[in-house]
Amino acid sequence: MTEDSDPRDNAIAERVNGILKNEYLADYKVNTLEEAKDALEQSVNKYNNERPHLSIEYLTPSIVHSTSIKAKRKWKSYYKKNTNDKLFQDNG
């Protein structure tokens, strides 16, 4: 699902999706697509506006994005992307 077939490119999205599913949506019982959309919208709203995040000094994403606060980065990037590397090499 990534542009270069590298699953590490999508780590942040996978982390957010996991949090939404495990912390907010695991206990929802939905019967219609409309109920599912509503539950997801409420979950994303809570994630962005109510849930403090360790990685941004226990602030919410909405506060960090709507102000000039410069939150100190609290995570490490062990992966340095090399655009010359290819996951699949052409041997022919």
PDB file of N, CA and C in Angstrom:
ATOM      1  N   MET A   1       0.814  -1.203   0.000  1.00  0.00           N
ATOM      2  CA  MET A   1       0.000   0.000   0.000  1.00  0.00           C
ATOM      3  C   MET A   1       0.856   1.265   0.000  1.00  0.00           C
ATOM      4  N   THR A   2       2.169   1.136  -0.072  1.00  0.00           N
ATOM      5  CA  THR A   2       3.010   2.317  -0.079  1.00  0.00           C
ATOM      6  C   THR A   2       3.533   2.563  -1.481  1.00  0.00           C
ATOM      7  N   GLU A   3       4.002   3.757  -1.710  1.00  0.00           N
ATOM      8  CA  GLU A   3       4.477   4.148  -3.027  1.00  0.00           C
ATOM      9  C   GLU A   3       5.646   3.295  -3.512  1.00  0.00           C
ATOM     10  N   ASP A   4       6.572   2.973  -2.614  1.00  0.00           N
ATOM     11  CA  ASP A   4       7.770   2.223  -2.983  1.00  0.00           C
ATOM     12  C   ASP A   4       7.749   0.782  -2.483  1.00  0.00           C
ATOM     13  N   SER A   5       6.602   0.290  -2.083  1.00  0.00           N
ATOM     14  CA  SER A   5       6.469  -1.063  -1.534  1.00  0.00           C
ATOM     15  C   SER A   5       7.284  -1.259  -0.265  1.00  0.00           C
ATOM     16  N   ASP A   6       7.483  -0.208   0.484  1.00  0.00           N
ATOM     17  CA  ASP A   6       8.249  -0.277   1.725  1.00  0.00           C
ATOM     18  C   ASP A   6       7.298  -0.045   2.894  1.00  0.00           C
ATOM     19  N   PRO A   7       6.994  -1.078   3.692  1.00  0.00           N
ATOM     20  CA  PRO A   7       6.021  -0.922   4.769  1.00  0.00           C
ATOM     21  C   PRO A   7       6.423   0.095   5.822  1.00  0.00           C
ATOM     22  N   ARG A   8       7.701   0.392   5.911  1.00  0.00           N
ATOM     23  CA  ARG A   8       8.127   1.381   6.917  1.00  0.00           C
ATOM     24  C   ARG A   8       7.685   2.792   6.544  1.00  0.00           C
ATOM     25  N   ASP A   9       7.362   3.022   5.271  1.00  0.00           N
ATOM     26  CA  ASP A   9       6.874   4.334   4.850  1.00  0.00           C
ATOM     27  C   ASP A   9       5.523   4.656   5.467  1.00  0.00           C
ATOM     28  N   ASN A  10       4.794   3.648   5.871  1.00  0.00           N
ATOM     29  CA  ASN A  10       3.431   3.816   6.338  1.00  0.00           C
ATOM     30  C   ASN A  10       3.297   3.626   7.852  1.00  0.00           C
ATOM     31  N   ALA A  11       4.401   3.655   8.580  1.00  0.00           N
ATOM     32  CA  ALA A  11       4.381   3.332  10.014  1.00  0.00           C
ATOM     33  C   ALA A  11       3.505   4.279  10.823  1.00  0.00           C
ATOM     34  N   ILE A  12       3.551   5.553  10.526  1.00  0.00           N
ATOM     35  CA  ILE A  12       2.753   6.516  11.298  1.00  0.00           C
ATOM     36  C   ILE A  12       1.266   6.264  11.082  1.00  0.00           C
ATOM     37  N   ALA A  13       0.862   6.069   9.845  1.00  0.00           N
ATOM     38  CA  ALA A  13      -0.548   5.794   9.562  1.00  0.00           C
ATOM     39  C   ALA A  13      -0.997   4.507  10.229  1.00  0.00           C
ATOM     40  N   GLU A  14      -0.148   3.482  10.205  1.00  0.00           N
ATOM     41  CA  GLU A  14      -0.494   2.220  10.858  1.00  0.00           C
ATOM     42  C   GLU A  14      -0.638   2.411  12.367  1.00  0.00           C
ATOM     43  N   ARG A  15       0.205   3.218  12.953  1.00  0.00           N
ATOM     44  CA  ARG A  15       0.138   3.488  14.397  1.00  0.00           C
ATOM     45  C   ARG A  15      -1.174   4.187  14.746  1.00  0.00           C
ATOM     46  N   VAL A  16      -1.523   5.213  13.984  1.00  0.00           N
ATOM     47  CA  VAL A  16      -2.767   5.949  14.225  1.00  0.00           C
ATOM     48  C   VAL A  16      -3.964   5.029  14.036  1.00  0.00           C
ATOM     49  N   ASN A  17      -3.969   4.233  12.964  1.00  0.00           N
ATOM     50  CA  ASN A  17      -5.080   3.309  12.734  1.00  0.00           C
ATOM     51  C   ASN A  17      -5.212   2.319  13.882  1.00  0.00           C
ATOM     52  N   GLY A  18      -4.098   1.825  14.386  1.00  0.00           N
ATOM     53  CA  GLY A  18      -4.133   0.894  15.512  1.00  0.00           C
ATOM     54  C   GLY A  18      -4.711   1.528  16.761  1.00  0.00           C
ATOM     55  N   ILE A  19      -4.336   2.756  17.031  1.00  0.00           N
ATOM     56  CA  ILE A  19      -4.872   3.463  18.202  1.00  0.00           C
ATOM     57  C   ILE A  19      -6.375   3.662  18.049  1.00  0.00           C
ATOM     58  N   LEU A  20      -6.809   4.103  16.881  1.00  0.00           N
ATOM     59  CA  LEU A  20      -8.242   4.315  16.661  1.00  0.00           C
ATOM     60  C   LEU A  20      -9.020   3.015  16.854  1.00  0.00           C
ATOM     61  N   LYS A  21      -8.518   1.928  16.293  1.00  0.00           N
ATOM     62  CA  LYS A  21      -9.224   0.644  16.405  1.00  0.00           C
ATOM     63  C   LYS A  21      -9.210   0.107  17.821  1.00  0.00           C
ATOM     64  N   ASN A  22      -8.053   0.137  18.480  1.00  0.00           N
ATOM     65  CA  ASN A  22      -7.935  -0.499  19.791  1.00  0.00           C
ATOM     66  C   ASN A  22      -8.442   0.346  20.944  1.00  0.00           C
ATOM     67  N   GLU A  23      -8.263   1.656  20.887  1.00  0.00           N
ATOM     68  CA  GLU A  23      -8.675   2.508  22.003  1.00  0.00           C
ATOM     69  C   GLU A  23     -10.095   3.045  21.863  1.00  0.00           C
ATOM     70  N   TYR A  24     -10.568   3.185  20.637  1.00  0.00           N
ATOM     71  CA  TYR A  24     -11.865   3.833  20.448  1.00  0.00           C
ATOM     72  C   TYR A  24     -12.932   2.954  19.804  1.00  0.00           C
ATOM     73  N   LEU A  25     -12.553   2.110  18.865  1.00  0.00           N
ATOM     74  CA  LEU A  25     -13.565   1.406  18.084  1.00  0.00           C
ATOM     75  C   LEU A  25     -13.788  -0.043  18.490  1.00  0.00           C
ATOM     76  N   ALA A  26     -12.963  -0.586  19.350  1.00  0.00           N
ATOM     77  CA  ALA A  26     -13.057  -2.004  19.704  1.00  0.00           C
ATOM     78  C   ALA A  26     -14.406  -2.368  20.322  1.00  0.00           C
ATOM     79  N   ASP A  27     -15.000  -1.474  21.063  1.00  0.00           N
ATOM     80  CA  ASP A  27     -16.253  -1.788  21.765  1.00  0.00           C
ATOM     81  C   ASP A  27     -17.508  -1.326  21.022  1.00  0.00           C
ATOM     82  N   TYR A  28     -17.335  -0.691  19.860  1.00  0.00           N
ATOM     83  CA  TYR A  28     -18.494  -0.237  19.097  1.00  0.00           C
ATOM     84  C   TYR A  28     -19.153  -1.412  18.394  1.00  0.00           C
ATOM     85  N   LYS A  29     -20.452  -1.463  18.470  1.00  0.00           N
ATOM     86  CA  LYS A  29     -21.241  -2.419  17.698  1.00  0.00           C
ATOM     87  C   LYS A  29     -22.043  -1.601  16.697  1.00  0.00           C
ATOM     88  N   VAL A  30     -21.771  -1.801  15.430  1.00  0.00           N
ATOM     89  CA  VAL A  30     -22.465  -1.032  14.394  1.00  0.00           C
ATOM     90  C   VAL A  30     -23.264  -1.974  13.512  1.00  0.00           C
ATOM     91  N   ASN A  31     -24.379  -1.464  13.018  1.00  0.00           N
ATOM     92  CA  ASN A  31     -25.265  -2.253  12.165  1.00  0.00           C
ATOM     93  C   ASN A  31     -25.357  -1.706  10.750  1.00  0.00           C
ATOM     94  N   THR A  32     -24.952  -0.450  10.577  1.00  0.00           N
ATOM     95  CA  THR A  32     -25.050   0.150   9.248  1.00  0.00           C
ATOM     96  C   THR A  32     -23.763   0.893   8.921  1.00  0.00           C
ATOM     97  N   LEU A  33     -23.584   1.182   7.665  1.00  0.00           N
ATOM     98  CA  LEU A  33     -22.425   1.958   7.235  1.00  0.00           C
ATOM     99  C   LEU A  33     -22.461   3.349   7.865  1.00  0.00           C
ATOM    100  N   GLU A  34     -23.628   3.915   7.990  1.00  0.00           N
ATOM    101  CA  GLU A  34     -23.770   5.241   8.595  1.00  0.00           C
ATOM    102  C   GLU A  34     -23.323   5.229  10.056  1.00  0.00           C
ATOM    103  N   GLU A  35     -23.678   4.190  10.801  1.00  0.00           N
ATOM    104  CA  GLU A  35     -23.223   4.061  12.189  1.00  0.00           C
ATOM    105  C   GLU A  35     -21.705   3.917  12.253  1.00  0.00           C
ATOM    106  N   ALA A  36     -21.139   3.186  11.334  1.00  0.00           N
ATOM    107  CA  ALA A  36     -19.676   3.011  11.293  1.00  0.00           C
ATOM    108  C   ALA A  36     -18.990   4.337  11.000  1.00  0.00           C
ATOM    109  N   LYS A  37     -19.502   5.086  10.050  1.00  0.00           N
ATOM    110  CA  LYS A  37     -18.922   6.397   9.718  1.00  0.00           C
ATOM    111  C   LYS A  37     -19.005   7.338  10.916  1.00  0.00           C
ATOM    112  N   ASP A  38     -20.142   7.322  11.610  1.00  0.00           N
ATOM    113  CA  ASP A  38     -20.324   8.181  12.784  1.00  0.00           C
ATOM    114  C   ASP A  38     -19.346   7.803  13.897  1.00  0.00           C
ATOM    115  N   ALA A  39     -19.186   6.497  14.147  1.00  0.00           N
ATOM    116  CA  ALA A  39     -18.259   6.029  15.189  1.00  0.00           C
ATOM    117  C   ALA A  39     -16.830   6.420  14.843  1.00  0.00           C
ATOM    118  N   LEU A  40     -16.448   6.275  13.591  1.00  0.00           N
ATOM    119  CA  LEU A  40     -15.093   6.644  13.167  1.00  0.00           C
ATOM    120  C   LEU A  40     -14.879   8.147  13.299  1.00  0.00           C
ATOM    121  N   GLU A  41     -15.850   8.939  12.904  1.00  0.00           N
ATOM    122  CA  GLU A  41     -15.729  10.397  13.019  1.00  0.00           C
ATOM    123  C   GLU A  41     -15.569  10.823  14.477  1.00  0.00           C
ATOM    124  N   GLN A  42     -16.339  10.233  15.367  1.00  0.00           N
ATOM    125  CA  GLN A  42     -16.217  10.551  16.794  1.00  0.00           C
ATOM    126  C   GLN A  42     -14.844  10.149  17.331  1.00  0.00           C
ATOM    127  N   SER A  43     -14.350   9.002  16.894  1.00  0.00           N
ATOM    128  CA  SER A  43     -13.042   8.523  17.348  1.00  0.00           C
ATOM    129  C   SER A  43     -11.914   9.428  16.888  1.00  0.00           C
ATOM    130  N   VAL A  44     -11.952   9.826  15.642  1.00  0.00           N
ATOM    131  CA  VAL A  44     -10.920  10.729  15.112  1.00  0.00           C
ATOM    132  C   VAL A  44     -10.977  12.068  15.831  1.00  0.00           C
ATOM    133  N   ASN A  45     -12.178  12.551  16.111  1.00  0.00           N
ATOM    134  CA  ASN A  45     -12.329  13.806  16.837  1.00  0.00           C
ATOM    135  C   ASN A  45     -11.711  13.710  18.234  1.00  0.00           C
ATOM    136  N   LYS A  46     -11.965  12.610  18.943  1.00  0.00           N
ATOM    137  CA  LYS A  46     -11.369  12.415  20.271  1.00  0.00           C
ATOM    138  C   LYS A  46      -9.853  12.312  20.182  1.00  0.00           C
ATOM    139  N   TYR A  47      -9.361  11.578  19.187  1.00  0.00           N
ATOM    140  CA  TYR A  47      -7.914  11.406  19.006  1.00  0.00           C
ATOM    141  C   TYR A  47      -7.234  12.762  18.789  1.00  0.00           C
ATOM    142  N   ASN A  48      -7.840  13.607  17.983  1.00  0.00           N
ATOM    143  CA  ASN A  48      -7.236  14.895  17.644  1.00  0.00           C
ATOM    144  C   ASN A  48      -7.460  15.988  18.680  1.00  0.00           C
ATOM    145  N   ASN A  49      -8.571  15.930  19.398  1.00  0.00           N
ATOM    146  CA  ASN A  49      -8.938  17.052  20.270  1.00  0.00           C
ATOM    147  C   ASN A  49      -8.925  16.756  21.759  1.00  0.00           C
ATOM    148  N   GLU A  50      -8.954  15.486  22.159  1.00  0.00           N
ATOM    149  CA  GLU A  50      -9.043  15.166  23.576  1.00  0.00           C
ATOM    150  C   GLU A  50      -7.890  14.306  24.091  1.00  0.00           C
ATOM    151  N   ARG A  51      -7.300  13.490  23.238  1.00  0.00           N
ATOM    152  CA  ARG A  51      -6.283  12.529  23.683  1.00  0.00           C
ATOM    153  C   ARG A  51      -4.905  13.181  23.711  1.00  0.00           C
ATOM    154  N   PRO A  52      -4.303  13.332  24.903  1.00  0.00           N
ATOM    155  CA  PRO A  52      -2.937  13.878  24.953  1.00  0.00           C
ATOM    156  C   PRO A  52      -1.942  12.850  24.405  1.00  0.00           C
ATOM    157  N   HIS A  53      -0.933  13.344  23.712  1.00  0.00           N
ATOM    158  CA  HIS A  53       0.048  12.477  23.066  1.00  0.00           C
ATOM    159  C   HIS A  53       1.423  12.682  23.694  1.00  0.00           C
ATOM    160  N   LEU A  54       2.023  11.599  24.149  1.00  0.00           N
ATOM    161  CA  LEU A  54       3.356  11.646  24.740  1.00  0.00           C
ATOM    162  C   LEU A  54       4.364  12.251  23.762  1.00  0.00           C
ATOM    163  N   SER A  55       4.252  11.902  22.501  1.00  0.00           N
ATOM    164  CA  SER A  55       5.240  12.343  21.517  1.00  0.00           C
ATOM    165  C   SER A  55       5.217  13.850  21.279  1.00  0.00           C
ATOM    166  N   ILE A  56       4.180  14.529  21.713  1.00  0.00           N
ATOM    167  CA  ILE A  56       4.114  15.997  21.567  1.00  0.00           C
ATOM    168  C   ILE A  56       3.842  16.648  22.927  1.00  0.00           C
ATOM    169  N   GLU A  57       4.582  16.164  23.915  1.00  0.00           N
ATOM    170  CA  GLU A  57       4.573  16.735  25.260  1.00  0.00           C
ATOM    171  C   GLU A  57       3.189  16.757  25.908  1.00  0.00           C
ATOM    172  N   TYR A  58       2.439  15.687  25.746  1.00  0.00           N
ATOM    173  CA  TYR A  58       1.108  15.522  26.321  1.00  0.00           C
ATOM    174  C   TYR A  58       0.129  16.613  25.915  1.00  0.00           C
ATOM    175  N   LEU A  59       0.311  17.129  24.733  1.00  0.00           N
ATOM    176  CA  LEU A  59      -0.657  18.044  24.139  1.00  0.00           C
ATOM    177  C   LEU A  59      -1.505  17.250  23.149  1.00  0.00           C
ATOM    178  N   THR A  60      -2.565  17.865  22.661  1.00  0.00           N
ATOM    179  CA  THR A  60      -3.366  17.212  21.626  1.00  0.00           C
ATOM    180  C   THR A  60      -2.879  17.686  20.258  1.00  0.00           C
ATOM    181  N   PRO A  61      -3.069  16.880  19.218  1.00  0.00           N
ATOM    182  CA  PRO A  61      -2.669  17.312  17.879  1.00  0.00           C
ATOM    183  C   PRO A  61      -3.320  18.624  17.456  1.00  0.00           C
ATOM    184  N   SER A  62      -4.588  18.828  17.818  1.00  0.00           N
ATOM    185  CA  SER A  62      -5.257  20.064  17.414  1.00  0.00           C
ATOM    186  C   SER A  62      -4.604  21.296  18.032  1.00  0.00           C
ATOM    187  N   ILE A  63      -4.152  21.195  19.276  1.00  0.00           N
ATOM    188  CA  ILE A  63      -3.465  22.330  19.905  1.00  0.00           C
ATOM    189  C   ILE A  63      -2.145  22.613  19.213  1.00  0.00           C
ATOM    190  N   VAL A  64      -1.378  21.570  18.944  1.00  0.00           N
ATOM    191  CA  VAL A  64      -0.070  21.759  18.306  1.00  0.00           C
ATOM    192  C   VAL A  64      -0.229  22.347  16.898  1.00  0.00           C
ATOM    193  N   HIS A  65      -1.210  21.850  16.154  1.00  0.00           N
ATOM    194  CA  HIS A  65      -1.390  22.323  14.775  1.00  0.00           C
ATOM    195  C   HIS A  65      -2.025  23.702  14.682  1.00  0.00           C
ATOM    196  N   SER A  66      -2.769  24.093  15.701  1.00  0.00           N
ATOM    197  CA  SER A  66      -3.469  25.382  15.627  1.00  0.00           C
ATOM    198  C   SER A  66      -2.723  26.523  16.317  1.00  0.00           C
ATOM    199  N   THR A  67      -1.580  26.219  16.920  1.00  0.00           N
ATOM    200  CA  THR A  67      -0.809  27.258  17.590  1.00  0.00           C
ATOM    201  C   THR A  67       0.623  27.246  17.070  1.00  0.00           C
ATOM    202  N   SER A  68       1.413  28.127  17.606  1.00  0.00           N
ATOM    203  CA  SER A  68       2.824  28.181  17.205  1.00  0.00           C
ATOM    204  C   SER A  68       3.710  27.392  18.168  1.00  0.00           C
ATOM    205  N   ILE A  69       3.098  26.528  18.970  1.00  0.00           N
ATOM    206  CA  ILE A  69       3.856  25.694  19.911  1.00  0.00           C
ATOM    207  C   ILE A  69       4.771  24.762  19.124  1.00  0.00           C
ATOM    208  N   LYS A  70       6.003  24.739  19.514  1.00  0.00           N
ATOM    209  CA  LYS A  70       6.968  23.822  18.916  1.00  0.00           C
ATOM    210  C   LYS A  70       7.211  22.695  19.910  1.00  0.00           C
ATOM    211  N   ALA A  71       6.500  21.602  19.745  1.00  0.00           N
ATOM    212  CA  ALA A  71       6.645  20.468  20.655  1.00  0.00           C
ATOM    213  C   ALA A  71       7.963  19.761  20.372  1.00  0.00           C
ATOM    214  N   LYS A  72       8.650  19.408  21.426  1.00  0.00           N
ATOM    215  CA  LYS A  72       9.924  18.708  21.285  1.00  0.00           C
ATOM    216  C   LYS A  72       9.666  17.279  20.834  1.00  0.00           C
ATOM    217  N   ARG A  73      10.377  16.852  19.832  1.00  0.00           N
ATOM    218  CA  ARG A  73      10.227  15.514  19.284  1.00  0.00           C
ATOM    219  C   ARG A  73      10.692  14.479  20.308  1.00  0.00           C
ATOM    220  N   LYS A  74       9.841  13.493  20.589  1.00  0.00           N
ATOM    221  CA  LYS A  74      10.142  12.505  21.624  1.00  0.00           C
ATOM    222  C   LYS A  74      10.294  11.098  21.050  1.00  0.00           C
ATOM    223  N   TRP A  75      10.515  10.979  19.777  1.00  0.00           N
ATOM    224  CA  TRP A  75      10.695   9.667  19.194  1.00  0.00           C
ATOM    225  C   TRP A  75      11.983   9.645  18.391  1.00  0.00           C
ATOM    226  N   LYS A  76      12.451   8.431  18.150  1.00  0.00           N
ATOM    227  CA  LYS A  76      13.680   8.260  17.384  1.00  0.00           C
ATOM    228  C   LYS A  76      13.347   7.682  16.026  1.00  0.00           C
ATOM    229  N   SER A  77      14.071   8.093  15.040  1.00  0.00           N
ATOM    230  CA  SER A  77      13.920   7.522  13.718  1.00  0.00           C
ATOM    231  C   SER A  77      15.140   6.657  13.452  1.00  0.00           C
ATOM    232  N   TYR A  78      14.936   5.364  13.478  1.00  0.00           N
ATOM    233  CA  TYR A  78      16.036   4.442  13.247  1.00  0.00           C
ATOM    234  C   TYR A  78      16.219   4.146  11.766  1.00  0.00           C
ATOM    235  N   TYR A  79      15.279   4.587  10.988  1.00  0.00           N
ATOM    236  CA  TYR A  79      15.261   4.254   9.574  1.00  0.00           C
ATOM    237  C   TYR A  79      15.594   5.491   8.755  1.00  0.00           C
ATOM    238  N   LYS A  80      16.653   5.412   8.002  1.00  0.00           N
ATOM    239  CA  LYS A  80      16.997   6.495   7.084  1.00  0.00           C
ATOM    240  C   LYS A  80      16.724   5.988   5.685  1.00  0.00           C
ATOM    241  N   LYS A  81      15.806   6.632   5.012  1.00  0.00           N
ATOM    242  CA  LYS A  81      15.389   6.183   3.697  1.00  0.00           C
ATOM    243  C   LYS A  81      16.470   6.483   2.672  1.00  0.00           C
ATOM    244  N   ASN A  82      16.844   5.480   1.931  1.00  0.00           N
ATOM    245  CA  ASN A  82      17.819   5.617   0.840  1.00  0.00           C
ATOM    246  C   ASN A  82      17.061   5.379  -0.451  1.00  0.00           C
ATOM    247  N   THR A  83      16.891   6.414  -1.244  1.00  0.00           N
ATOM    248  CA  THR A  83      16.096   6.298  -2.456  1.00  0.00           C
ATOM    249  C   THR A  83      16.774   5.444  -3.515  1.00  0.00           C
ATOM    250  N   ASN A  84      18.056   5.101  -3.330  1.00  0.00           N
ATOM    251  CA  ASN A  84      18.747   4.243  -4.284  1.00  0.00           C
ATOM    252  C   ASN A  84      18.489   2.765  -4.030  1.00  0.00           C
ATOM    253  N   ASP A  85      18.030   2.428  -2.814  1.00  0.00           N
ATOM    254  CA  ASP A  85      17.739   1.034  -2.488  1.00  0.00           C
ATOM    255  C   ASP A  85      16.413   0.635  -3.108  1.00  0.00           C
ATOM    256  N   LYS A  86      16.345  -0.605  -3.560  1.00  0.00           N
ATOM    257  CA  LYS A  86      15.100  -1.127  -4.090  1.00  0.00           C
ATOM    258  C   LYS A  86      14.771  -2.405  -3.353  1.00  0.00           C
ATOM    259  N   LEU A  87      13.514  -2.559  -3.028  1.00  0.00           N
ATOM    260  CA  LEU A  87      13.094  -3.760  -2.316  1.00  0.00           C
ATOM    261  C   LEU A  87      13.272  -4.985  -3.217  1.00  0.00           C
ATOM    262  N   PHE A  88      12.951  -4.817  -4.462  1.00  0.00           N
ATOM    263  CA  PHE A  88      13.095  -5.918  -5.414  1.00  0.00           C
ATOM    264  C   PHE A  88      14.124  -5.534  -6.455  1.00  0.00           C
ATOM    265  N   GLN A  89      15.157  -6.319  -6.611  1.00  0.00           N
ATOM    266  CA  GLN A  89      16.202  -6.053  -7.599  1.00  0.00           C
ATOM    267  C   GLN A  89      15.860  -6.777  -8.895  1.00  0.00           C
ATOM    268  N   ASP A  90      16.127  -6.125 -10.008  1.00  0.00           N
ATOM    269  CA  ASP A  90      15.938  -6.739 -11.319  1.00  0.00           C
ATOM    270  C   ASP A  90      17.191  -7.532 -11.656  1.00  0.00           C
ATOM    271  N   ASN A  91      17.057  -8.837 -11.731  1.00  0.00           N
ATOM    272  CA  ASN A  91      18.217  -9.696 -12.002  1.00  0.00           C
ATOM    273  C   ASN A  91      18.351 -10.059 -13.464  1.00  0.00           C
ATOM    274  N   GLY A  92      17.591  -9.495 -14.333  1.00  0.00           N
ATOM    275  CA  GLY A  92      17.639  -9.959 -15.707  1.00  0.00           C
ATOM    276  C   GLY A  92      17.961  -8.883 -16.631  1.00  0.00           C
TER     277      GLY A  92
END
